[in-house]
C-alpha atoms as a PDB file:
ATOM      1  CA  UNK A   1      -0.023  -0.014  -0.016  1.00  0.00           C
ATOM      2  CA  UNK A   2       1.173   3.514  -0.864  1.00  0.00           C
ATOM      3  CA  UNK A   3       0.424   6.419   1.409  1.00  0.00           C
ATOM      4  CA  UNK A   4      -0.092   9.987   0.157  1.00  0.00           C
ATOM      5  CA  UNK A   5      -0.197  12.749   2.822  1.00  0.00           C
ATOM      6  CA  UNK A   6      -2.366  15.164   0.794  1.00  0.00           C
ATOM      7  CA  UNK A   7      -4.934  13.539  -1.438  1.00  0.00           C
ATOM      8  CA  UNK A   8      -5.818  16.873  -3.091  1.00  0.00           C
ATOM      9  CA  UNK A   9      -2.373  16.994  -4.798  1.00  0.00           C
ATOM     10  CA  UNK A  10      -3.110  13.805  -6.812  1.00  0.00           C
ATOM     11  CA  UNK A  11      -4.036  14.430 -10.479  1.00  0.00           C
ATOM     12  CA  UNK A  12      -7.238  12.335 -10.429  1.00  0.00           C
ATOM     13  CA  UNK A  13     -10.975  12.670 -10.735  1.00  0.00           C
ATOM     14  CA  UNK A  14     -12.432  11.543  -7.380  1.00  0.00           C
ATOM     15  CA  UNK A  15     -15.665   9.508  -7.385  1.00  0.00           C
ATOM     16  CA  UNK A  16     -18.048   8.245  -4.753  1.00  0.00           C
ATOM     17  CA  UNK A  17     -21.093   5.946  -4.859  1.00  0.00           C
ATOM     18  CA  UNK A  18     -24.100   7.289  -6.708  1.00  0.00           C
ATOM     19  CA  UNK A  19     -26.327   6.419  -3.747  1.00  0.00           C
ATOM     20  CA  UNK A  20     -24.250   8.416  -1.194  1.00  0.00           C
ATOM     21  CA  UNK A  21     -25.668  11.563   0.343  1.00  0.00           C
ATOM     22  CA  UNK A  22     -23.538  14.566  -0.780  1.00  0.00           C
ATOM     23  CA  UNK A  23     -23.663  15.959   2.774  1.00  0.00           C
ATOM     24  CA  UNK A  24     -22.627  12.752   4.540  1.00  0.00           C
ATOM     25  CA  UNK A  25     -19.294  11.137   5.221  1.00  0.00           C
ATOM     26  CA  UNK A  26     -18.153   8.769   2.483  1.00  0.00           C
ATOM     27  CA  UNK A  27     -15.054   7.385   0.970  1.00  0.00           C
ATOM     28  CA  UNK A  28     -13.996   8.533  -2.550  1.00  0.00           C
ATOM     29  CA  UNK A  29     -11.957   6.504  -5.032  1.00  0.00           C
ATOM     30  CA  UNK A  30      -9.944   7.255  -8.134  1.00  0.00           C
ATOM     31  CA  UNK A  31      -7.689   5.484 -10.560  1.00  0.00           C
ATOM     32  CA  UNK A  32      -4.089   6.631 -10.485  1.00  0.00           C
ATOM     33  CA  UNK A  33      -1.025   5.029 -12.065  1.00  0.00           C
ATOM     34  CA  UNK A  34      -2.506   1.524 -12.250  1.00  0.00           C
ATOM     35  CA  UNK A  35      -3.758   1.589  -8.640  1.00  0.00           C
ATOM     36  CA  UNK A  36      -6.941   2.582  -6.882  1.00  0.00           C
ATOM     37  CA  UNK A  37      -6.591   5.542  -4.519  1.00  0.00           C
ATOM     38  CA  UNK A  38      -8.991   5.962  -1.619  1.00  0.00           C
ATOM     39  CA  UNK A  39      -9.605   9.045   0.574  1.00  0.00           C
ATOM     40  CA  UNK A  40     -12.125  10.279   3.205  1.00  0.00           C
ATOM     41  CA  UNK A  41     -14.587  12.648   1.521  1.00  0.00           C
ATOM     42  CA  UNK A  42     -14.868  14.866   4.598  1.00  0.00           C
ATOM     43  CA  UNK A  43     -11.105  15.471   4.501  1.00  0.00           C
ATOM     44  CA  UNK A  44     -10.183  16.063   0.818  1.00  0.00           C
ATOM     45  CA  UNK A  45      -6.778  17.542   1.792  1.00  0.00           C
ATOM     46  CA  UNK A  46      -6.089  14.628   4.131  1.00  0.00           C
ATOM     47  CA  UNK A  47      -4.296  11.330   3.384  1.00  0.00           C
ATOM     48  CA  UNK A  48      -5.017   8.790   0.688  1.00  0.00           C
ATOM     49  CA  UNK A  49      -4.016   5.198   0.316  1.00  0.00           C
ATOM     50  CA  UNK A  50      -3.271   3.455  -2.934  1.00  0.00           C
ATOM     51  CA  UNK A  51      -4.127  -0.233  -3.466  1.00  0.00           C
ATOM     52  CA  UNK A  52      -3.521  -2.586  -6.432  1.00  0.00           C
ATOM     53  CA  UNK A  53      -6.521  -3.556  -8.427  1.00  0.00           C
ATOM     54  CA  UNK A  54      -6.362  -7.086  -6.930  1.00  0.00           C
ATOM     55  CA  UNK A  55      -6.351  -5.679  -3.359  1.00  0.00           C
ATOM     56  CA  UNK A  56      -9.262  -3.366  -4.109  1.00  0.00           C
ATOM     57  CA  UNK A  57     -11.218  -6.157  -5.873  1.00  0.00           C
ATOM     58  CA  UNK A  58     -10.749  -8.394  -2.804  1.00  0.00           C
ATOM     59  CA  UNK A  59     -12.064  -5.599  -0.553  1.00  0.00           C
ATOM     60  CA  UNK A  60     -15.090  -5.084  -2.745  1.00  0.00           C
ATOM     61  CA  UNK A  61     -15.805  -8.841  -2.786  1.00  0.00           C
ATOM     62  CA  UNK A  62     -15.621  -8.905   0.980  1.00  0.00           C
ATOM     63  CA  UNK A  63     -18.038  -5.996   1.274  1.00  0.00           C
ATOM     64  CA  UNK A  64     -20.491  -7.586  -1.141  1.00  0.00           C
ATOM     65  CA  UNK A  65     -20.177 -10.961   0.482  1.00  0.00           C
ATOM     66  CA  UNK A  66     -20.543  -9.656   4.028  1.00  0.00           C
ATOM     67  CA  UNK A  67     -17.346 -11.247   5.153  1.00  0.00           C
ATOM     68  CA  UNK A  68     -15.596  -8.166   6.619  1.00  0.00           C
ATOM     69  CA  UNK A  69     -14.765  -8.517  10.324  1.00  0.00           C
ATOM     70  CA  UNK A  70     -15.233  -5.390  12.389  1.00  0.00           C
ATOM     71  CA  UNK A  71     -12.129  -3.934  14.008  1.00  0.00           C
ATOM     72  CA  UNK A  72     -12.693  -3.057  17.587  1.00  0.00           C
END
């Protein structure tokens, strides 16, 4: 995983789910240099994390399949 300290400096078009409320907290994603970059929508100048397509696909599959384990 690659870490970027200021997501707003990345030359990408950020996207979030169509069903998200524009005034609510959400994660945003973007494609960048063959990776998927993720940031917190309420902190656009905050950090972002880059993941390979395989890592991101595995995350989406876990979300869709309900197999994520909560971190306490």
